[in-house]
Amino acid sequence: MAIGTSYPIALWRAMIGSALTRQRKGRYGHAARDLTACANANANADAAITDYGSHSTHATYTAALAEAHPRKASFWAQFP
């Protein structure tokens, strides 16, 4: 199964990236929830997703996000 078929991980990641890149502080809570949803979906989906295509795994994505946005403390404080 490909990543976009049953799991909205790519959409969540797009919304997270938009909130952080555009510094939409009012959206950080939503972005943190979306990142949590990605983590939960990814944990359940890893066994089912056989083709991530151009998308990275959740651990790789989260690490890249932390590297790109390390100073967004109000966002990271909301992500468990």
N, C-alpha and C. Protein backbone atom coordinates (compact mmCIF):
# COMPACT_ATOMS: atom_id res chain seq x y z
N MET A 1 0.84 -1.17 0.00
CA MET A 1 0.00 0.00 0.00
C MET A 1 0.89 1.24 0.00
N ALA A 2 0.53 2.23 -0.78
CA ALA A 2 1.27 3.48 -0.84
C ALA A 2 0.80 4.40 0.28
N ILE A 3 1.64 5.35 0.65
CA ILE A 3 1.35 6.21 1.79
C ILE A 3 0.07 7.02 1.64
N GLY A 4 -0.23 7.54 0.49
CA GLY A 4 -1.39 8.40 0.33
C GLY A 4 -2.71 7.68 0.17
N THR A 5 -2.70 6.39 0.03
CA THR A 5 -3.90 5.63 -0.24
C THR A 5 -4.90 5.65 0.90
N SER A 6 -4.45 5.36 2.10
CA SER A 6 -5.36 5.28 3.23
C SER A 6 -4.98 6.17 4.40
N TYR A 7 -3.80 6.73 4.38
CA TYR A 7 -3.32 7.51 5.51
C TYR A 7 -3.07 8.95 5.08
N PRO A 8 -3.65 9.93 5.80
CA PRO A 8 -3.49 11.33 5.43
C PRO A 8 -2.20 11.96 5.95
N ILE A 9 -1.16 11.16 6.11
CA ILE A 9 0.09 11.65 6.67
C ILE A 9 0.66 12.78 5.83
N ALA A 10 0.62 12.68 4.53
CA ALA A 10 1.17 13.73 3.67
C ALA A 10 0.43 15.05 3.86
N LEU A 11 -0.88 14.99 4.01
CA LEU A 11 -1.67 16.19 4.24
C LEU A 11 -1.33 16.81 5.59
N TRP A 12 -1.25 15.99 6.64
CA TRP A 12 -0.87 16.51 7.95
C TRP A 12 0.49 17.17 7.90
N ARG A 13 1.44 16.53 7.23
CA ARG A 13 2.78 17.10 7.14
C ARG A 13 2.77 18.43 6.41
N ALA A 14 1.96 18.56 5.38
CA ALA A 14 1.87 19.83 4.65
C ALA A 14 1.33 20.93 5.56
N MET A 15 0.33 20.60 6.37
CA MET A 15 -0.24 21.61 7.28
C MET A 15 0.76 21.99 8.38
N ILE A 16 1.50 21.02 8.88
CA ILE A 16 2.52 21.28 9.90
C ILE A 16 3.59 22.20 9.33
N GLY A 17 4.08 21.85 8.15
CA GLY A 17 5.12 22.64 7.51
C GLY A 17 4.68 24.07 7.23
N SER A 18 3.45 24.22 6.79
CA SER A 18 2.91 25.54 6.52
C SER A 18 2.85 26.39 7.78
N ALA A 19 2.35 25.82 8.86
CA ALA A 19 2.24 26.56 10.12
C ALA A 19 3.61 27.00 10.63
N LEU A 20 4.59 26.12 10.55
CA LEU A 20 5.92 26.45 11.07
C LEU A 20 6.68 27.40 10.14
N THR A 21 6.62 27.15 8.86
CA THR A 21 7.35 27.98 7.90
C THR A 21 6.81 29.40 7.86
N ARG A 22 5.49 29.52 7.93
CA ARG A 22 4.86 30.85 7.88
C ARG A 22 4.76 31.50 9.26
N GLN A 23 5.29 30.82 10.27
CA GLN A 23 5.28 31.31 11.64
C GLN A 23 3.88 31.69 12.10
N ARG A 24 2.94 30.80 11.83
CA ARG A 24 1.55 31.00 12.23
C ARG A 24 1.38 30.48 13.64
N LYS A 25 1.76 31.27 14.61
CA LYS A 25 1.77 30.83 16.01
C LYS A 25 0.41 30.37 16.49
N GLY A 26 -0.65 30.95 15.96
CA GLY A 26 -1.99 30.52 16.33
C GLY A 26 -2.32 29.12 15.84
N ARG A 27 -1.54 28.62 14.89
CA ARG A 27 -1.75 27.27 14.34
C ARG A 27 -0.83 26.23 14.97
N TYR A 28 0.08 26.64 15.85
CA TYR A 28 1.04 25.70 16.42
C TYR A 28 0.35 24.58 17.19
N GLY A 29 -0.72 24.89 17.89
CA GLY A 29 -1.45 23.84 18.62
C GLY A 29 -2.02 22.80 17.67
N HIS A 30 -2.59 23.28 16.57
CA HIS A 30 -3.12 22.36 15.55
C HIS A 30 -1.99 21.55 14.94
N ALA A 31 -0.87 22.22 14.66
CA ALA A 31 0.27 21.53 14.06
C ALA A 31 0.82 20.46 14.99
N ALA A 32 0.88 20.76 16.28
CA ALA A 32 1.36 19.77 17.26
C ALA A 32 0.42 18.57 17.31
N ARG A 33 -0.89 18.83 17.27
CA ARG A 33 -1.85 17.71 17.24
C ARG A 33 -1.70 16.90 15.95
N ASP A 34 -1.47 17.60 14.84
CA ASP A 34 -1.27 16.89 13.57
C ASP A 34 -0.01 16.03 13.62
N LEU A 35 1.05 16.56 14.23
CA LEU A 35 2.28 15.78 14.34
C LEU A 35 2.07 14.56 15.23
N THR A 36 1.29 14.72 16.29
CA THR A 36 0.94 13.58 17.15
C THR A 36 0.11 12.57 16.37
N ALA A 37 -0.83 13.07 15.56
CA ALA A 37 -1.64 12.18 14.73
C ALA A 37 -0.77 11.42 13.74
N CYS A 38 0.22 12.11 13.18
CA CYS A 38 1.16 11.43 12.28
C CYS A 38 1.89 10.32 13.01
N ALA A 39 2.32 10.61 14.22
CA ALA A 39 3.06 9.60 15.00
C ALA A 39 2.17 8.40 15.26
N ASN A 40 0.93 8.65 15.66
CA ASN A 40 0.01 7.55 15.94
C ASN A 40 -0.34 6.78 14.68
N ALA A 41 -0.62 7.49 13.60
CA ALA A 41 -0.95 6.82 12.34
C ALA A 41 0.25 6.06 11.82
N ASN A 42 1.42 6.67 11.96
CA ASN A 42 2.63 6.04 11.46
C ASN A 42 2.93 4.76 12.24
N ALA A 43 2.71 4.80 13.55
CA ALA A 43 2.95 3.60 14.35
C ALA A 43 2.07 2.45 13.89
N ASN A 44 0.83 2.77 13.57
CA ASN A 44 -0.10 1.74 13.10
C ASN A 44 0.11 1.44 11.62
N ALA A 45 0.60 2.40 10.87
CA ALA A 45 0.68 2.27 9.43
C ALA A 45 1.98 1.62 8.94
N ASP A 46 3.03 1.69 9.75
CA ASP A 46 4.31 1.18 9.28
C ASP A 46 4.23 -0.24 8.74
N ALA A 47 3.43 -1.07 9.36
CA ALA A 47 3.30 -2.45 8.89
C ALA A 47 2.53 -2.51 7.58
N ALA A 48 1.62 -1.55 7.37
CA ALA A 48 0.76 -1.59 6.18
C ALA A 48 1.36 -0.84 5.00
N ILE A 49 2.14 0.21 5.26
CA ILE A 49 2.69 1.01 4.17
C ILE A 49 3.95 0.34 3.65
N THR A 50 3.90 -0.03 2.41
CA THR A 50 5.06 -0.67 1.80
C THR A 50 5.83 0.29 0.90
N ASP A 51 5.21 1.42 0.56
CA ASP A 51 5.85 2.38 -0.34
C ASP A 51 5.65 3.79 0.19
N TYR A 52 6.68 4.35 0.78
CA TYR A 52 6.61 5.72 1.27
C TYR A 52 6.83 6.72 0.13
N GLY A 53 7.18 6.24 -1.03
CA GLY A 53 7.41 7.13 -2.16
C GLY A 53 8.48 8.15 -1.81
N SER A 54 8.19 9.41 -2.04
CA SER A 54 9.16 10.47 -1.75
C SER A 54 9.08 10.95 -0.30
N HIS A 55 8.20 10.34 0.49
CA HIS A 55 8.03 10.74 1.88
C HIS A 55 8.99 9.98 2.78
N SER A 56 9.40 10.62 3.86
CA SER A 56 10.29 9.98 4.82
C SER A 56 9.47 9.31 5.93
N THR A 57 10.12 8.46 6.68
CA THR A 57 9.46 7.85 7.82
C THR A 57 9.17 8.94 8.86
N HIS A 58 8.35 8.61 9.84
CA HIS A 58 7.99 9.62 10.84
C HIS A 58 9.21 10.08 11.64
N ALA A 59 10.06 9.16 12.03
CA ALA A 59 11.24 9.51 12.82
C ALA A 59 12.15 10.45 12.04
N THR A 60 12.36 10.17 10.77
CA THR A 60 13.20 11.01 9.92
C THR A 60 12.55 12.38 9.72
N TYR A 61 11.24 12.39 9.50
CA TYR A 61 10.51 13.64 9.31
C TYR A 61 10.59 14.51 10.56
N THR A 62 10.36 13.92 11.73
CA THR A 62 10.39 14.67 12.98
C THR A 62 11.78 15.24 13.24
N ALA A 63 12.81 14.46 12.97
CA ALA A 63 14.19 14.94 13.15
C ALA A 63 14.49 16.11 12.22
N ALA A 64 14.05 16.01 10.97
CA ALA A 64 14.26 17.11 10.01
C ALA A 64 13.48 18.35 10.43
N LEU A 65 12.29 18.16 10.95
CA LEU A 65 11.46 19.27 11.42
C LEU A 65 12.14 19.96 12.61
N ALA A 66 12.66 19.18 13.53
CA ALA A 66 13.36 19.74 14.69
C ALA A 66 14.61 20.50 14.27
N GLU A 67 15.29 20.00 13.26
CA GLU A 67 16.50 20.67 12.77
C GLU A 67 16.16 21.98 12.05
N ALA A 68 15.06 21.98 11.31
CA ALA A 68 14.66 23.16 10.56
C ALA A 68 14.01 24.23 11.44
N HIS A 69 13.38 23.82 12.54
CA HIS A 69 12.62 24.75 13.39
C HIS A 69 12.95 24.56 14.86
N PRO A 70 14.22 24.66 15.24
CA PRO A 70 14.59 24.37 16.63
C PRO A 70 14.14 25.44 17.62
N ARG A 71 13.91 26.65 17.15
CA ARG A 71 13.61 27.76 18.06
C ARG A 71 12.11 28.00 18.25
N LYS A 72 11.30 27.16 17.69
CA LYS A 72 9.85 27.30 17.82
C LYS A 72 9.39 26.59 19.10
N ALA A 73 9.83 27.15 20.21
CA ALA A 73 9.60 26.52 21.52
C ALA A 73 8.12 26.36 21.83
N SER A 74 7.30 27.32 21.44
CA SER A 74 5.87 27.20 21.74
C SER A 74 5.23 26.04 20.98
N PHE A 75 5.78 25.71 19.82
CA PHE A 75 5.30 24.53 19.09
C PHE A 75 5.78 23.26 19.77
N TRP A 76 7.08 23.16 20.02
CA TRP A 76 7.66 21.94 20.57
C TRP A 76 7.14 21.66 21.98
N ALA A 77 6.75 22.70 22.71
CA ALA A 77 6.19 22.49 24.05
C ALA A 77 4.85 21.79 23.99
N GLN A 78 4.16 21.90 22.87
CA GLN A 78 2.84 21.28 22.73
C GLN A 78 2.90 19.87 22.14
N PHE A 79 4.07 19.48 21.67
CA PHE A 79 4.24 18.14 21.10
C PHE A 79 4.79 17.23 22.19
N PRO A 80 4.07 16.16 22.50
CA PRO A 80 4.51 15.28 23.60
C PRO A 80 5.81 14.55 23.31
